N, C-alpha and C. Protein backbone atom coordinates (compact mmCIF):
# COMPACT_ATOMS: atom_id res chain seq x y z
N MET A 1 -1.40 -9.93 4.89
CA MET A 1 -1.89 -8.57 4.92
C MET A 1 -3.40 -8.61 5.19
N THR A 2 -3.84 -7.73 6.07
CA THR A 2 -5.26 -7.69 6.39
C THR A 2 -6.06 -7.12 5.21
N ASN A 3 -7.34 -7.38 5.20
CA ASN A 3 -8.21 -6.84 4.16
C ASN A 3 -8.22 -5.32 4.17
N GLU A 4 -8.18 -4.73 5.36
CA GLU A 4 -8.19 -3.27 5.47
C GLU A 4 -6.91 -2.67 4.88
N ARG A 5 -5.77 -3.27 5.17
CA ARG A 5 -4.51 -2.79 4.60
C ARG A 5 -4.51 -2.96 3.09
N ALA A 6 -5.02 -4.10 2.62
CA ALA A 6 -5.08 -4.35 1.18
C ALA A 6 -5.97 -3.33 0.48
N GLU A 7 -7.05 -2.94 1.13
CA GLU A 7 -7.96 -1.94 0.56
C GLU A 7 -7.27 -0.59 0.42
N VAL A 8 -6.55 -0.17 1.46
CA VAL A 8 -5.82 1.09 1.43
C VAL A 8 -4.73 1.02 0.36
N LEU A 9 -4.01 -0.07 0.29
CA LEU A 9 -2.95 -0.23 -0.69
C LEU A 9 -3.52 -0.18 -2.11
N ALA A 10 -4.65 -0.81 -2.34
CA ALA A 10 -5.28 -0.81 -3.67
C ALA A 10 -5.65 0.61 -4.10
N ILE A 11 -6.13 1.42 -3.17
CA ILE A 11 -6.48 2.81 -3.47
C ILE A 11 -5.22 3.57 -3.88
N LEU A 12 -4.15 3.39 -3.15
CA LEU A 12 -2.90 4.08 -3.46
C LEU A 12 -2.29 3.60 -4.78
N GLN A 13 -2.42 2.33 -5.06
CA GLN A 13 -1.88 1.79 -6.32
C GLN A 13 -2.66 2.32 -7.51
N ALA A 14 -3.94 2.54 -7.35
CA ALA A 14 -4.78 3.02 -8.44
C ALA A 14 -4.64 4.53 -8.66
N ALA A 15 -4.11 5.22 -7.68
CA ALA A 15 -4.00 6.68 -7.76
C ALA A 15 -2.93 7.09 -8.77
N ASN A 16 -3.19 8.19 -9.45
CA ASN A 16 -2.23 8.72 -10.43
C ASN A 16 -1.22 9.66 -9.79
N ALA A 17 -1.44 10.00 -8.53
CA ALA A 17 -0.58 10.94 -7.82
C ALA A 17 -0.61 10.59 -6.34
N PRO A 18 0.36 11.06 -5.57
CA PRO A 18 0.31 10.84 -4.11
C PRO A 18 -1.00 11.36 -3.53
N MET A 19 -1.48 10.72 -2.48
CA MET A 19 -2.75 11.08 -1.87
C MET A 19 -2.57 11.57 -0.44
N LYS A 20 -3.46 12.45 -0.04
CA LYS A 20 -3.49 12.92 1.34
C LYS A 20 -4.25 11.91 2.19
N LEU A 21 -3.95 11.93 3.48
CA LEU A 21 -4.59 11.01 4.42
C LEU A 21 -6.12 11.10 4.34
N GLY A 22 -6.65 12.32 4.32
CA GLY A 22 -8.10 12.51 4.27
C GLY A 22 -8.72 11.95 3.00
N GLU A 23 -8.01 12.06 1.88
CA GLU A 23 -8.51 11.52 0.62
C GLU A 23 -8.58 9.99 0.68
N ILE A 24 -7.57 9.40 1.27
CA ILE A 24 -7.55 7.94 1.40
C ILE A 24 -8.67 7.49 2.33
N ALA A 25 -8.83 8.18 3.45
CA ALA A 25 -9.88 7.84 4.41
C ALA A 25 -11.26 7.93 3.76
N ASP A 26 -11.48 8.98 2.97
CA ASP A 26 -12.77 9.12 2.27
C ASP A 26 -12.98 7.98 1.28
N ALA A 27 -11.92 7.62 0.57
CA ALA A 27 -12.02 6.58 -0.46
C ALA A 27 -12.36 5.21 0.13
N VAL A 28 -11.87 4.92 1.32
CA VAL A 28 -12.14 3.62 1.94
C VAL A 28 -13.24 3.69 2.99
N ASP A 29 -13.79 4.90 3.18
CA ASP A 29 -14.89 5.13 4.11
C ASP A 29 -14.54 4.68 5.54
N LYS A 30 -13.37 5.15 5.99
CA LYS A 30 -12.91 4.86 7.35
C LYS A 30 -12.44 6.16 7.99
N LYS A 31 -12.32 6.14 9.31
CA LYS A 31 -11.84 7.31 10.04
C LYS A 31 -10.37 7.55 9.74
N ARG A 32 -10.00 8.84 9.73
CA ARG A 32 -8.62 9.22 9.44
C ARG A 32 -7.63 8.55 10.39
N ASN A 33 -7.97 8.49 11.66
CA ASN A 33 -7.08 7.88 12.65
C ASN A 33 -6.81 6.41 12.32
N ASN A 34 -7.85 5.69 11.94
CA ASN A 34 -7.68 4.28 11.59
C ASN A 34 -6.83 4.11 10.34
N VAL A 35 -7.08 4.97 9.34
CA VAL A 35 -6.32 4.90 8.10
C VAL A 35 -4.85 5.24 8.37
N HIS A 36 -4.61 6.18 9.25
CA HIS A 36 -3.23 6.54 9.60
C HIS A 36 -2.49 5.32 10.15
N LYS A 37 -3.14 4.55 11.00
CA LYS A 37 -2.52 3.34 11.56
C LYS A 37 -2.27 2.29 10.48
N LEU A 38 -3.22 2.15 9.55
CA LEU A 38 -3.06 1.19 8.46
C LEU A 38 -1.88 1.59 7.57
N ILE A 39 -1.79 2.88 7.26
CA ILE A 39 -0.69 3.37 6.43
C ILE A 39 0.65 3.19 7.15
N ALA A 40 0.67 3.45 8.43
CA ALA A 40 1.92 3.27 9.20
C ALA A 40 2.41 1.83 9.09
N ALA A 41 1.50 0.88 9.17
CA ALA A 41 1.87 -0.53 9.05
C ALA A 41 2.35 -0.84 7.63
N LEU A 42 1.73 -0.23 6.63
CA LEU A 42 2.15 -0.44 5.24
C LEU A 42 3.52 0.17 4.97
N ILE A 43 3.82 1.28 5.63
CA ILE A 43 5.14 1.91 5.50
C ILE A 43 6.21 0.99 6.09
N VAL A 44 5.94 0.46 7.28
CA VAL A 44 6.89 -0.46 7.92
C VAL A 44 7.11 -1.69 7.05
N ALA A 45 6.06 -2.15 6.37
CA ALA A 45 6.16 -3.32 5.50
C ALA A 45 6.82 -3.00 4.16
N GLY A 46 7.09 -1.73 3.92
CA GLY A 46 7.74 -1.34 2.68
C GLY A 46 6.81 -1.25 1.48
N ARG A 47 5.51 -1.20 1.71
CA ARG A 47 4.53 -1.17 0.63
C ARG A 47 4.06 0.23 0.27
N VAL A 48 4.26 1.19 1.21
CA VAL A 48 3.83 2.58 1.01
C VAL A 48 4.97 3.48 1.45
N SER A 49 5.11 4.61 0.78
CA SER A 49 6.10 5.60 1.21
C SER A 49 5.43 6.94 1.42
N LYS A 50 5.99 7.68 2.36
CA LYS A 50 5.51 9.03 2.65
C LYS A 50 6.34 9.98 1.80
N ILE A 51 5.68 10.72 0.93
CA ILE A 51 6.34 11.58 -0.03
C ILE A 51 6.66 12.95 0.56
N GLY A 52 5.77 13.43 1.37
CA GLY A 52 5.92 14.74 2.01
C GLY A 52 4.95 14.82 3.16
N TYR A 53 4.74 16.02 3.65
CA TYR A 53 3.83 16.18 4.78
C TYR A 53 2.42 15.73 4.39
N GLY A 54 1.99 14.60 4.93
CA GLY A 54 0.64 14.10 4.70
C GLY A 54 0.38 13.54 3.33
N LEU A 55 1.41 13.25 2.54
CA LEU A 55 1.24 12.68 1.21
C LEU A 55 1.84 11.28 1.15
N TYR A 56 1.07 10.35 0.62
CA TYR A 56 1.48 8.95 0.58
C TYR A 56 1.28 8.37 -0.81
N GLU A 57 2.13 7.40 -1.17
CA GLU A 57 1.95 6.67 -2.42
C GLU A 57 2.42 5.24 -2.25
N ALA A 58 1.90 4.36 -3.10
CA ALA A 58 2.32 2.96 -3.09
C ALA A 58 3.72 2.86 -3.64
N VAL A 59 4.50 1.93 -3.11
CA VAL A 59 5.84 1.67 -3.63
C VAL A 59 5.63 0.83 -4.89
N ARG A 60 5.92 1.41 -6.03
CA ARG A 60 5.60 0.79 -7.33
C ARG A 60 6.48 -0.42 -7.66
N GLY A 61 7.76 -0.33 -7.47
CA GLY A 61 8.66 -1.42 -7.84
C GLY A 61 8.33 -2.73 -7.15
N GLU A 62 7.98 -2.65 -5.88
CA GLU A 62 7.66 -3.85 -5.09
C GLU A 62 6.44 -4.54 -5.65
N VAL A 63 5.43 -3.79 -6.03
CA VAL A 63 4.19 -4.36 -6.55
C VAL A 63 4.46 -5.05 -7.87
N GLU A 64 5.24 -4.41 -8.76
CA GLU A 64 5.56 -5.00 -10.05
C GLU A 64 6.32 -6.30 -9.87
N ASN A 65 7.28 -6.35 -8.95
CA ASN A 65 8.06 -7.57 -8.71
C ASN A 65 7.19 -8.70 -8.21
N GLU A 66 6.25 -8.40 -7.32
CA GLU A 66 5.37 -9.43 -6.79
C GLU A 66 4.46 -9.97 -7.88
N GLN A 67 3.94 -9.10 -8.73
CA GLN A 67 3.06 -9.54 -9.80
C GLN A 67 3.81 -10.42 -10.78
N LYS A 68 5.05 -10.06 -11.11
CA LYS A 68 5.84 -10.85 -12.04
C LYS A 68 6.13 -12.24 -11.48
N SER A 69 6.50 -12.32 -10.22
CA SER A 69 6.81 -13.63 -9.63
C SER A 69 5.55 -14.47 -9.49
N GLY A 70 4.42 -13.83 -9.24
CA GLY A 70 3.16 -14.56 -9.14
C GLY A 70 2.70 -15.08 -10.47
N GLU A 71 2.93 -14.33 -11.55
CA GLU A 71 2.51 -14.73 -12.87
C GLU A 71 3.36 -15.89 -13.40
N SER A 72 4.60 -15.93 -13.03
CA SER A 72 5.49 -16.96 -13.55
C SER A 72 5.30 -18.30 -12.83
N GLY A 73 4.61 -18.26 -11.71
CA GLY A 73 4.37 -19.47 -10.96
C GLY A 73 5.51 -19.85 -10.05
N GLU A 74 6.55 -19.03 -10.02
CA GLU A 74 7.70 -19.32 -9.16
C GLU A 74 7.44 -18.81 -7.76
N SER A 75 7.94 -19.52 -6.82
CA SER A 75 7.82 -19.11 -5.43
C SER A 75 8.99 -18.20 -5.08
N SER A 76 8.70 -17.16 -4.30
CA SER A 76 9.78 -16.26 -3.92
C SER A 76 10.42 -16.69 -2.60
N SER A 77 9.96 -17.78 -2.01
CA SER A 77 10.56 -18.22 -0.75
C SER A 77 11.80 -19.06 -1.05
N ILE A 78 12.72 -19.05 -0.10
CA ILE A 78 13.98 -19.76 -0.26
C ILE A 78 13.96 -20.96 0.68
N ALA A 79 14.28 -22.12 0.12
CA ALA A 79 14.30 -23.33 0.95
C ALA A 79 15.54 -23.31 1.83
N ALA A 80 15.35 -23.72 3.09
CA ALA A 80 16.48 -23.71 4.03
C ALA A 80 17.19 -25.02 4.02
């Protein structure tokens, strides 16, 4: 994940409610168009969901699962 995507994701994870595109753009100090592209990539990756017209939030379950597997020291990759 790029640093820019991680920054947008961190803002959404810290939010107590879904955020509008403009609010996210202001929070990361980037243009709305650029943030829209970053969010689109995060949606495709399953890290962000669109709640309604122009409202976005982080996918909570995925983040919790990643943190748990990282804390336990176990790898989530499967050997072939």
